[in-house]
Amino acid sequence: MESSFGSDFGSDFGSGAGGGGKLDPGLIMEQVKVQIAVANAQELLQRMTDKCFRKCIGQSGGALDNSEQKCIAMCMDRYMDSWNTVSRAYNSRLQRERANM
């Protein structure tokens, strides 16, 4: 996933500016936002995978048993729910602080 997105990003970064080699600041800012969102999603997935694997998998083997599969599914659901709750609270606080400026 990362390699195909990264190559697309690199090839499109300076294009689309309307010719003449000028960079469109709006386009650049949008691409930076996309890159940040992708990096955040990758980090979230990596942390969730690490934590749930450590919690649910006793010994690594050839296959997961039913209890390990259920544990991982529940752990990942709880992790995502928690992350969404924290994210909403953080965004709400940022909006309140910006409104008070």
PDB file of N, CA and C in Angstrom:
ATOM      1  N   MET A   1       0.816  -1.179   0.000  1.00  0.00           N
ATOM      2  CA  MET A   1       0.000   0.000   0.000  1.00  0.00           C
ATOM      3  C   MET A   1       0.867   1.251   0.000  1.00  0.00           C
ATOM      4  N   GLU A   2       1.833   1.285   0.851  1.00  0.00           N
ATOM      5  CA  GLU A   2       2.658   2.488   0.988  1.00  0.00           C
ATOM      6  C   GLU A   2       3.450   2.763  -0.273  1.00  0.00           C
ATOM      7  N   SER A   3       4.012   1.730  -0.882  1.00  0.00           N
ATOM      8  CA  SER A   3       4.870   1.966  -2.036  1.00  0.00           C
ATOM      9  C   SER A   3       4.084   2.501  -3.212  1.00  0.00           C
ATOM     10  N   SER A   4       2.882   1.988  -3.475  1.00  0.00           N
ATOM     11  CA  SER A   4       2.126   2.496  -4.610  1.00  0.00           C
ATOM     12  C   SER A   4       1.643   3.913  -4.343  1.00  0.00           C
ATOM     13  N   PHE A   5       1.206   4.211  -3.120  1.00  0.00           N
ATOM     14  CA  PHE A   5       0.759   5.565  -2.806  1.00  0.00           C
ATOM     15  C   PHE A   5       1.932   6.523  -2.836  1.00  0.00           C
ATOM     16  N   GLY A   6       3.048   6.095  -2.289  1.00  0.00           N
ATOM     17  CA  GLY A   6       4.221   6.957  -2.257  1.00  0.00           C
ATOM     18  C   GLY A   6       4.709   7.303  -3.648  1.00  0.00           C
ATOM     19  N   SER A   7       4.674   6.339  -4.575  1.00  0.00           N
ATOM     20  CA  SER A   7       5.129   6.634  -5.928  1.00  0.00           C
ATOM     21  C   SER A   7       4.143   7.557  -6.634  1.00  0.00           C
ATOM     22  N   ASP A   8       2.848   7.388  -6.384  1.00  0.00           N
ATOM     23  CA  ASP A   8       1.865   8.297  -6.963  1.00  0.00           C
ATOM     24  C   ASP A   8       2.069   9.701  -6.436  1.00  0.00           C
ATOM     25  N   PHE A   9       2.310   9.808  -5.160  1.00  0.00           N
ATOM     26  CA  PHE A   9       2.497  11.120  -4.546  1.00  0.00           C
ATOM     27  C   PHE A   9       3.700  11.823  -5.146  1.00  0.00           C
ATOM     28  N   GLY A  10       4.801  11.123  -5.290  1.00  0.00           N
ATOM     29  CA  GLY A  10       6.017  11.726  -5.815  1.00  0.00           C
ATOM     30  C   GLY A  10       5.860  12.172  -7.257  1.00  0.00           C
ATOM     31  N   SER A  11       5.151  11.401  -8.072  1.00  0.00           N
ATOM     32  CA  SER A  11       5.013  11.763  -9.471  1.00  0.00           C
ATOM     33  C   SER A  11       4.008  12.874  -9.682  1.00  0.00           C
ATOM     34  N   ASP A  12       3.036  13.031  -8.787  1.00  0.00           N
ATOM     35  CA  ASP A  12       2.001  14.052  -8.933  1.00  0.00           C
ATOM     36  C   ASP A  12       2.306  15.326  -8.175  1.00  0.00           C
ATOM     37  N   PHE A  13       3.330  15.329  -7.365  1.00  0.00           N
ATOM     38  CA  PHE A  13       3.573  16.453  -6.454  1.00  0.00           C
ATOM     39  C   PHE A  13       3.709  17.773  -7.181  1.00  0.00           C
ATOM     40  N   GLY A  14       4.491  17.821  -8.240  1.00  0.00           N
ATOM     41  CA  GLY A  14       4.710  19.082  -8.935  1.00  0.00           C
ATOM     42  C   GLY A  14       3.826  19.257 -10.152  1.00  0.00           C
ATOM     43  N   SER A  15       3.070  18.238 -10.524  1.00  0.00           N
ATOM     44  CA  SER A  15       2.231  18.356 -11.705  1.00  0.00           C
ATOM     45  C   SER A  15       0.879  18.916 -11.326  1.00  0.00           C
ATOM     46  N   GLY A  16       0.108  19.270 -12.297  1.00  0.00           N
ATOM     47  CA  GLY A  16      -1.226  19.774 -12.041  1.00  0.00           C
ATOM     48  C   GLY A  16      -1.221  21.236 -11.652  1.00  0.00           C
ATOM     49  N   ALA A  17      -0.100  21.911 -11.816  1.00  0.00           N
ATOM     50  CA  ALA A  17      -0.009  23.310 -11.427  1.00  0.00           C
ATOM     51  C   ALA A  17      -0.408  24.228 -12.578  1.00  0.00           C
ATOM     52  N   GLY A  18      -0.794  23.657 -13.686  1.00  0.00           N
ATOM     53  CA  GLY A  18      -1.259  24.469 -14.787  1.00  0.00           C
ATOM     54  C   GLY A  18      -0.167  24.853 -15.766  1.00  0.00           C
ATOM     55  N   GLY A  19       0.925  24.122 -15.798  1.00  0.00           N
ATOM     56  CA  GLY A  19       1.983  24.402 -16.763  1.00  0.00           C
ATOM     57  C   GLY A  19       2.946  25.448 -16.246  1.00  0.00           C
ATOM     58  N   GLY A  20       4.038  25.602 -16.941  1.00  0.00           N
ATOM     59  CA  GLY A  20       5.025  26.593 -16.576  1.00  0.00           C
ATOM     60  C   GLY A  20       5.859  26.212 -15.375  1.00  0.00           C
ATOM     61  N   GLY A  21       5.631  25.036 -14.792  1.00  0.00           N
ATOM     62  CA  GLY A  21       6.434  24.587 -13.667  1.00  0.00           C
ATOM     63  C   GLY A  21       6.109  25.249 -12.344  1.00  0.00           C
ATOM     64  N   LYS A  22       5.054  26.053 -12.282  1.00  0.00           N
ATOM     65  CA  LYS A  22       4.683  26.697 -11.018  1.00  0.00           C
ATOM     66  C   LYS A  22       3.931  25.712 -10.140  1.00  0.00           C
ATOM     67  N   LEU A  23       4.224  25.735  -8.851  1.00  0.00           N
ATOM     68  CA  LEU A  23       3.550  24.854  -7.913  1.00  0.00           C
ATOM     69  C   LEU A  23       2.325  25.546  -7.343  1.00  0.00           C
ATOM     70  N   ASP A  24       1.253  24.815  -7.257  1.00  0.00           N
ATOM     71  CA  ASP A  24       0.016  25.327  -6.682  1.00  0.00           C
ATOM     72  C   ASP A  24       0.048  25.070  -5.177  1.00  0.00           C
ATOM     73  N   PRO A  25       0.117  26.123  -4.355  1.00  0.00           N
ATOM     74  CA  PRO A  25       0.184  25.931  -2.896  1.00  0.00           C
ATOM     75  C   PRO A  25      -1.000  25.157  -2.344  1.00  0.00           C
ATOM     76  N   GLY A  26      -2.188  25.363  -2.918  1.00  0.00           N
ATOM     77  CA  GLY A  26      -3.368  24.621  -2.455  1.00  0.00           C
ATOM     78  C   GLY A  26      -3.232  23.133  -2.715  1.00  0.00           C
ATOM     79  N   LEU A  27      -2.720  22.788  -3.887  1.00  0.00           N
ATOM     80  CA  LEU A  27      -2.517  21.384  -4.238  1.00  0.00           C
ATOM     81  C   LEU A  27      -1.466  20.754  -3.331  1.00  0.00           C
ATOM     82  N   ILE A  28      -0.389  21.473  -3.109  1.00  0.00           N
ATOM     83  CA  ILE A  28       0.672  20.965  -2.235  1.00  0.00           C
ATOM     84  C   ILE A  28       0.130  20.728  -0.831  1.00  0.00           C
ATOM     85  N   MET A  29      -0.635  21.710  -0.313  1.00  0.00           N
ATOM     86  CA  MET A  29      -1.189  21.581   1.037  1.00  0.00           C
ATOM     87  C   MET A  29      -2.132  20.379   1.125  1.00  0.00           C
ATOM     88  N   GLU A  30      -2.942  20.177   0.099  1.00  0.00           N
ATOM     89  CA  GLU A  30      -3.869  19.048   0.077  1.00  0.00           C
ATOM     90  C   GLU A  30      -3.105  17.731   0.069  1.00  0.00           C
ATOM     91  N   GLN A  31      -2.024  17.648  -0.709  1.00  0.00           N
ATOM     92  CA  GLN A  31      -1.226  16.425  -0.776  1.00  0.00           C
ATOM     93  C   GLN A  31      -0.509  16.162   0.549  1.00  0.00           C
ATOM     94  N   VAL A  32      -0.061  17.221   1.214  1.00  0.00           N
ATOM     95  CA  VAL A  32       0.574  17.062   2.525  1.00  0.00           C
ATOM     96  C   VAL A  32      -0.449  16.540   3.531  1.00  0.00           C
ATOM     97  N   LYS A  33      -1.659  17.073   3.485  1.00  0.00           N
ATOM     98  CA  LYS A  33      -2.723  16.599   4.394  1.00  0.00           C
ATOM     99  C   LYS A  33      -3.017  15.121   4.162  1.00  0.00           C
ATOM    100  N   VAL A  34      -3.048  14.712   2.898  1.00  0.00           N
ATOM    101  CA  VAL A  34      -3.291  13.303   2.576  1.00  0.00           C
ATOM    102  C   VAL A  34      -2.164  12.440   3.126  1.00  0.00           C
ATOM    103  N   GLN A  35      -0.919  12.890   2.938  1.00  0.00           N
ATOM    104  CA  GLN A  35       0.231  12.133   3.440  1.00  0.00           C
ATOM    105  C   GLN A  35       0.177  11.995   4.962  1.00  0.00           C
ATOM    106  N   ILE A  36      -0.201  13.056   5.649  1.00  0.00           N
ATOM    107  CA  ILE A  36      -0.309  13.014   7.113  1.00  0.00           C
ATOM    108  C   ILE A  36      -1.410  12.038   7.527  1.00  0.00           C
ATOM    109  N   ALA A  37      -2.543  12.083   6.836  1.00  0.00           N
ATOM    110  CA  ALA A  37      -3.647  11.171   7.155  1.00  0.00           C
ATOM    111  C   ALA A  37      -3.231   9.716   6.941  1.00  0.00           C
ATOM    112  N   VAL A  38      -2.510   9.443   5.856  1.00  0.00           N
ATOM    113  CA  VAL A  38      -2.044   8.077   5.578  1.00  0.00           C
ATOM    114  C   VAL A  38      -1.060   7.633   6.663  1.00  0.00           C
ATOM    115  N   ALA A  39      -0.139   8.505   7.032  1.00  0.00           N
ATOM    116  CA  ALA A  39       0.838   8.162   8.077  1.00  0.00           C
ATOM    117  C   ALA A  39       0.140   7.898   9.407  1.00  0.00           C
ATOM    118  N   ASN A  40      -0.852   8.706   9.747  1.00  0.00           N
ATOM    119  CA  ASN A  40      -1.595   8.498  10.991  1.00  0.00           C
ATOM    120  C   ASN A  40      -2.356   7.181  10.966  1.00  0.00           C
ATOM    121  N   ALA A  41      -2.981   6.853   9.844  1.00  0.00           N
ATOM    122  CA  ALA A  41      -3.705   5.587   9.724  1.00  0.00           C
ATOM    123  C   ALA A  41      -2.756   4.401   9.838  1.00  0.00           C
ATOM    124  N   GLN A  42      -1.586   4.501   9.216  1.00  0.00           N
ATOM    125  CA  GLN A  42      -0.603   3.419   9.304  1.00  0.00           C
ATOM    126  C   GLN A  42      -0.110   3.238  10.735  1.00  0.00           C
ATOM    127  N   GLU A  43       0.127   4.349  11.429  1.00  0.00           N
ATOM    128  CA  GLU A  43       0.580   4.264  12.817  1.00  0.00           C
ATOM    129  C   GLU A  43      -0.498   3.653  13.703  1.00  0.00           C
ATOM    130  N   LEU A  44      -1.750   4.067  13.509  1.00  0.00           N
ATOM    131  CA  LEU A  44      -2.865   3.506  14.281  1.00  0.00           C
ATOM    132  C   LEU A  44      -2.955   2.007  14.066  1.00  0.00           C
ATOM    133  N   LEU A  45      -2.886   1.578  12.821  1.00  0.00           N
ATOM    134  CA  LEU A  45      -2.971   0.148  12.507  1.00  0.00           C
ATOM    135  C   LEU A  45      -1.809  -0.621  13.123  1.00  0.00           C
ATOM    136  N   GLN A  46      -0.604  -0.057  13.059  1.00  0.00           N
ATOM    137  CA  GLN A  46       0.572  -0.729  13.617  1.00  0.00           C
ATOM    138  C   GLN A  46       0.457  -0.871  15.132  1.00  0.00           C
ATOM    139  N   ARG A  47       0.065   0.209  15.804  1.00  0.00           N
ATOM    140  CA  ARG A  47      -0.080   0.144  17.268  1.00  0.00           C
ATOM    141  C   ARG A  47      -1.163  -0.841  17.680  1.00  0.00           C
ATOM    142  N   MET A  48      -2.287  -0.806  16.970  1.00  0.00           N
ATOM    143  CA  MET A  48      -3.388  -1.704  17.289  1.00  0.00           C
ATOM    144  C   MET A  48      -2.951  -3.151  17.097  1.00  0.00           C
ATOM    145  N   THR A  49      -2.273  -3.423  16.014  1.00  0.00           N
ATOM    146  CA  THR A  49      -1.804  -4.776  15.735  1.00  0.00           C
ATOM    147  C   THR A  49      -0.830  -5.247  16.816  1.00  0.00           C
ATOM    148  N   ASP A  50       0.136  -4.399  17.167  1.00  0.00           N
ATOM    149  CA  ASP A  50       1.116  -4.770  18.190  1.00  0.00           C
ATOM    150  C   ASP A  50       0.455  -5.055  19.532  1.00  0.00           C
ATOM    151  N   LYS A  51      -0.400  -4.145  19.979  1.00  0.00           N
ATOM    152  CA  LYS A  51      -1.036  -4.310  21.287  1.00  0.00           C
ATOM    153  C   LYS A  51      -1.933  -5.538  21.333  1.00  0.00           C
ATOM    154  N   CYS A  52      -2.753  -5.723  20.304  1.00  0.00           N
ATOM    155  CA  CYS A  52      -3.682  -6.859  20.306  1.00  0.00           C
ATOM    156  C   CYS A  52      -2.948  -8.183  20.141  1.00  0.00           C
ATOM    157  N   PHE A  53      -1.875  -8.196  19.369  1.00  0.00           N
ATOM    158  CA  PHE A  53      -1.096  -9.426  19.222  1.00  0.00           C
ATOM    159  C   PHE A  53      -0.494  -9.816  20.569  1.00  0.00           C
ATOM    160  N   ARG A  54       0.124  -8.831  21.252  1.00  0.00           N
ATOM    161  CA  ARG A  54       0.730  -9.130  22.557  1.00  0.00           C
ATOM    162  C   ARG A  54      -0.314  -9.596  23.566  1.00  0.00           C
ATOM    163  N   LYS A  55      -1.506  -9.024  23.512  1.00  0.00           N
ATOM    164  CA  LYS A  55      -2.555  -9.367  24.471  1.00  0.00           C
ATOM    165  C   LYS A  55      -3.172 -10.737  24.183  1.00  0.00           C
ATOM    166  N   CYS A  56      -3.354 -11.064  22.917  1.00  0.00           N
ATOM    167  CA  CYS A  56      -4.180 -12.215  22.553  1.00  0.00           C
ATOM    168  C   CYS A  56      -3.431 -13.471  22.120  1.00  0.00           C
ATOM    169  N   ILE A  57      -2.218 -13.351  21.660  1.00  0.00           N
ATOM    170  CA  ILE A  57      -1.521 -14.506  21.101  1.00  0.00           C
ATOM    171  C   ILE A  57      -0.496 -15.016  22.108  1.00  0.00           C
ATOM    172  N   GLY A  58      -0.713 -16.241  22.578  1.00  0.00           N
ATOM    173  CA  GLY A  58       0.185 -16.828  23.556  1.00  0.00           C
ATOM    174  C   GLY A  58       1.513 -17.224  22.942  1.00  0.00           C
ATOM    175  N   GLN A  59       1.485 -18.186  22.065  1.00  0.00           N
ATOM    176  CA  GLN A  59       2.684 -18.632  21.368  1.00  0.00           C
ATOM    177  C   GLN A  59       2.382 -18.582  19.882  1.00  0.00           C
ATOM    178  N   SER A  60       3.317 -18.031  19.132  1.00  0.00           N
ATOM    179  CA  SER A  60       3.069 -17.990  17.695  1.00  0.00           C
ATOM    180  C   SER A  60       3.182 -19.393  17.129  1.00  0.00           C
ATOM    181  N   GLY A  61       2.227 -19.716  16.308  1.00  0.00           N
ATOM    182  CA  GLY A  61       2.186 -21.028  15.692  1.00  0.00           C
ATOM    183  C   GLY A  61       1.690 -20.903  14.270  1.00  0.00           C
ATOM    184  N   GLY A  62       1.234 -21.975  13.723  1.00  0.00           N
ATOM    185  CA  GLY A  62       0.792 -21.972  12.337  1.00  0.00           C
ATOM    186  C   GLY A  62      -0.550 -21.324  12.109  1.00  0.00           C
ATOM    187  N   ALA A  63      -1.431 -21.382  13.105  1.00  0.00           N
ATOM    188  CA  ALA A  63      -2.781 -20.845  12.911  1.00  0.00           C
ATOM    189  C   ALA A  63      -3.311 -20.328  14.244  1.00  0.00           C
ATOM    190  N   LEU A  64      -4.295 -19.446  14.160  1.00  0.00           N
ATOM    191  CA  LEU A  64      -4.944 -18.936  15.369  1.00  0.00           C
ATOM    192  C   LEU A  64      -6.108 -19.832  15.741  1.00  0.00           C
ATOM    193  N   ASP A  65      -6.234 -20.126  17.028  1.00  0.00           N
ATOM    194  CA  ASP A  65      -7.407 -20.880  17.441  1.00  0.00           C
ATOM    195  C   ASP A  65      -8.584 -19.913  17.602  1.00  0.00           C
ATOM    196  N   ASN A  66      -9.773 -20.480  17.868  1.00  0.00           N
ATOM    197  CA  ASN A  66     -10.988 -19.661  17.941  1.00  0.00           C
ATOM    198  C   ASN A  66     -10.910 -18.591  19.023  1.00  0.00           C
ATOM    199  N   SER A  67     -10.368 -18.929  20.178  1.00  0.00           N
ATOM    200  CA  SER A  67     -10.301 -17.941  21.261  1.00  0.00           C
ATOM    201  C   SER A  67      -9.354 -16.799  20.905  1.00  0.00           C
ATOM    202  N   GLU A  68      -8.262 -17.096  20.226  1.00  0.00           N
ATOM    203  CA  GLU A  68      -7.334 -16.044  19.791  1.00  0.00           C
ATOM    204  C   GLU A  68      -7.986 -15.144  18.740  1.00  0.00           C
ATOM    205  N   GLN A  69      -8.724 -15.735  17.815  1.00  0.00           N
ATOM    206  CA  GLN A  69      -9.412 -14.950  16.788  1.00  0.00           C
ATOM    207  C   GLN A  69     -10.445 -14.016  17.418  1.00  0.00           C
ATOM    208  N   LYS A  70     -11.208 -14.537  18.379  1.00  0.00           N
ATOM    209  CA  LYS A  70     -12.211 -13.708  19.060  1.00  0.00           C
ATOM    210  C   LYS A  70     -11.546 -12.595  19.860  1.00  0.00           C
ATOM    211  N   CYS A  71     -10.462 -12.928  20.542  1.00  0.00           N
ATOM    212  CA  CYS A  71      -9.743 -11.938  21.332  1.00  0.00           C
ATOM    213  C   CYS A  71      -9.222 -10.818  20.443  1.00  0.00           C
ATOM    214  N   ILE A  72      -8.631 -11.156  19.316  1.00  0.00           N
ATOM    215  CA  ILE A  72      -8.094 -10.143  18.409  1.00  0.00           C
ATOM    216  C   ILE A  72      -9.213  -9.263  17.865  1.00  0.00           C
ATOM    217  N   ALA A  73     -10.323  -9.877  17.465  1.00  0.00           N
ATOM    218  CA  ALA A  73     -11.447  -9.100  16.927  1.00  0.00           C
ATOM    219  C   ALA A  73     -11.984  -8.130  17.972  1.00  0.00           C
ATOM    220  N   MET A  74     -12.171  -8.611  19.199  1.00  0.00           N
ATOM    221  CA  MET A  74     -12.689  -7.744  20.262  1.00  0.00           C
ATOM    222  C   MET A  74     -11.679  -6.667  20.635  1.00  0.00           C
ATOM    223  N   CYS A  75     -10.412  -7.019  20.697  1.00  0.00           N
ATOM    224  CA  CYS A  75      -9.365  -6.059  21.037  1.00  0.00           C
ATOM    225  C   CYS A  75      -9.311  -4.943  19.997  1.00  0.00           C
ATOM    226  N   MET A  76      -9.355  -5.319  18.730  1.00  0.00           N
ATOM    227  CA  MET A  76      -9.290  -4.316  17.669  1.00  0.00           C
ATOM    228  C   MET A  76     -10.533  -3.424  17.684  1.00  0.00           C
ATOM    229  N   ASP A  77     -11.698  -4.004  17.944  1.00  0.00           N
ATOM    230  CA  ASP A  77     -12.925  -3.201  18.050  1.00  0.00           C
ATOM    231  C   ASP A  77     -12.829  -2.206  19.197  1.00  0.00           C
ATOM    232  N   ARG A  78     -12.368  -2.676  20.349  1.00  0.00           N
ATOM    233  CA  ARG A  78     -12.235  -1.788  21.509  1.00  0.00           C
ATOM    234  C   ARG A  78     -11.197  -0.704  21.261  1.00  0.00           C
ATOM    235  N   TYR A  79     -10.107  -1.067  20.631  1.00  0.00           N
ATOM    236  CA  TYR A  79      -9.048  -0.101  20.343  1.00  0.00           C
ATOM    237  C   TYR A  79      -9.573   0.994  19.417  1.00  0.00           C
ATOM    238  N   MET A  80     -10.295   0.608  18.363  1.00  0.00           N
ATOM    239  CA  MET A  80     -10.846   1.585  17.429  1.00  0.00           C
ATOM    240  C   MET A  80     -11.902   2.462  18.109  1.00  0.00           C
ATOM    241  N   ASP A  81     -12.763   1.863  18.934  1.00  0.00           N
ATOM    242  CA  ASP A  81     -13.762   2.647  19.668  1.00  0.00           C
ATOM    243  C   ASP A  81     -13.084   3.662  20.573  1.00  0.00           C
ATOM    244  N   SER A  82     -12.063   3.229  21.273  1.00  0.00           N
ATOM    245  CA  SER A  82     -11.333   4.131  22.171  1.00  0.00           C
ATOM    246  C   SER A  82     -10.656   5.238  21.390  1.00  0.00           C
ATOM    247  N   TRP A  83     -10.028   4.883  20.300  1.00  0.00           N
ATOM    248  CA  TRP A  83      -9.337   5.882  19.482  1.00  0.00           C
ATOM    249  C   TRP A  83     -10.325   6.916  18.943  1.00  0.00           C
ATOM    250  N   ASN A  84     -11.483   6.453  18.482  1.00  0.00           N
ATOM    251  CA  ASN A  84     -12.505   7.375  17.967  1.00  0.00           C
ATOM    252  C   ASN A  84     -13.026   8.295  19.059  1.00  0.00           C
ATOM    253  N   THR A  85     -13.219   7.775  20.256  1.00  0.00           N
ATOM    254  CA  THR A  85     -13.693   8.594  21.373  1.00  0.00           C
ATOM    255  C   THR A  85     -12.673   9.673  21.709  1.00  0.00           C
ATOM    256  N   VAL A  86     -11.426   9.296  21.825  1.00  0.00           N
ATOM    257  CA  VAL A  86     -10.365  10.258  22.131  1.00  0.00           C
ATOM    258  C   VAL A  86     -10.238  11.285  21.011  1.00  0.00           C
ATOM    259  N   SER A  87     -10.308  10.839  19.774  1.00  0.00           N
ATOM    260  CA  SER A  87     -10.191  11.736  18.625  1.00  0.00           C
ATOM    261  C   SER A  87     -11.321  12.761  18.605  1.00  0.00           C
ATOM    262  N   ARG A  88     -12.545  12.316  18.856  1.00  0.00           N
ATOM    263  CA  ARG A  88     -13.680  13.252  18.891  1.00  0.00           C
ATOM    264  C   ARG A  88     -13.521  14.263  20.015  1.00  0.00           C
ATOM    265  N   ALA A  89     -13.103  13.800  21.185  1.00  0.00           N
ATOM    266  CA  ALA A  89     -12.910  14.708  22.319  1.00  0.00           C
ATOM    267  C   ALA A  89     -11.803  15.717  22.026  1.00  0.00           C
ATOM    268  N   TYR A  90     -10.736  15.274  21.421  1.00  0.00           N
ATOM    269  CA  TYR A  90      -9.620  16.157  21.077  1.00  0.00           C
ATOM    270  C   TYR A  90     -10.063  17.214  20.063  1.00  0.00           C
ATOM    271  N   ASN A  91     -10.752  16.782  19.014  1.00  0.00           N
ATOM    272  CA  ASN A  91     -11.229  17.728  18.001  1.00  0.00           C
ATOM    273  C   ASN A  91     -12.222  18.721  18.586  1.00  0.00           C
ATOM    274  N   SER A  92     -13.088  18.257  19.464  1.00  0.00           N
ATOM    275  CA  SER A  92     -14.049  19.145  20.115  1.00  0.00           C
ATOM    276  C   SER A  92     -13.333  20.194  20.960  1.00  0.00           C
ATOM    277  N   ARG A  93     -12.323  19.769  21.682  1.00  0.00           N
ATOM    278  CA  ARG A  93     -11.555  20.702  22.501  1.00  0.00           C
ATOM    279  C   ARG A  93     -10.823  21.729  21.634  1.00  0.00           C
ATOM    280  N   LEU A  94     -10.235  21.276  20.540  1.00  0.00           N
ATOM    281  CA  LEU A  94      -9.564  22.203  19.623  1.00  0.00           C
ATOM    282  C   LEU A  94     -10.539  23.249  19.091  1.00  0.00           C
ATOM    283  N   GLN A  95     -11.734  22.815  18.719  1.00  0.00           N
ATOM    284  CA  GLN A  95     -12.730  23.753  18.201  1.00  0.00           C
ATOM    285  C   GLN A  95     -13.143  24.765  19.257  1.00  0.00           C
ATOM    286  N   ARG A  96     -13.328  24.318  20.506  1.00  0.00           N
ATOM    287  CA  ARG A  96     -13.678  25.232  21.589  1.00  0.00           C
ATOM    288  C   ARG A  96     -12.570  26.236  21.829  1.00  0.00           C
ATOM    289  N   GLU A  97     -11.319  25.775  21.828  1.00  0.00           N
ATOM    290  CA  GLU A  97     -10.188  26.678  22.067  1.00  0.00           C
ATOM    291  C   GLU A  97     -10.027  27.679  20.932  1.00  0.00           C
ATOM    292  N   ARG A  98     -10.266  27.242  19.699  1.00  0.00           N
ATOM    293  CA  ARG A  98     -10.180  28.166  18.565  1.00  0.00           C
ATOM    294  C   ARG A  98     -11.288  29.209  18.633  1.00  0.00           C
ATOM    295  N   ALA A  99     -12.468  28.809  19.087  1.00  0.00           N
ATOM    296  CA  ALA A  99     -13.597  29.735  19.201  1.00  0.00           C
ATOM    297  C   ALA A  99     -13.347  30.786  20.288  1.00  0.00           C
ATOM    298  N   ASN A 100     -12.569  30.436  21.305  1.00  0.00           N
ATOM    299  CA  ASN A 100     -12.293  31.364  22.415  1.00  0.00           C
ATOM    300  C   ASN A 100     -11.127  32.295  22.128  1.00  0.00           C
ATOM    301  N   MET A 101     -10.468  32.148  21.008  1.00  0.00           N
ATOM    302  CA  MET A 101      -9.303  32.987  20.696  1.00  0.00           C
ATOM    303  C   MET A 101      -9.734  34.356  20.265  1.00  0.00           C
TER     304      MET A 101
END
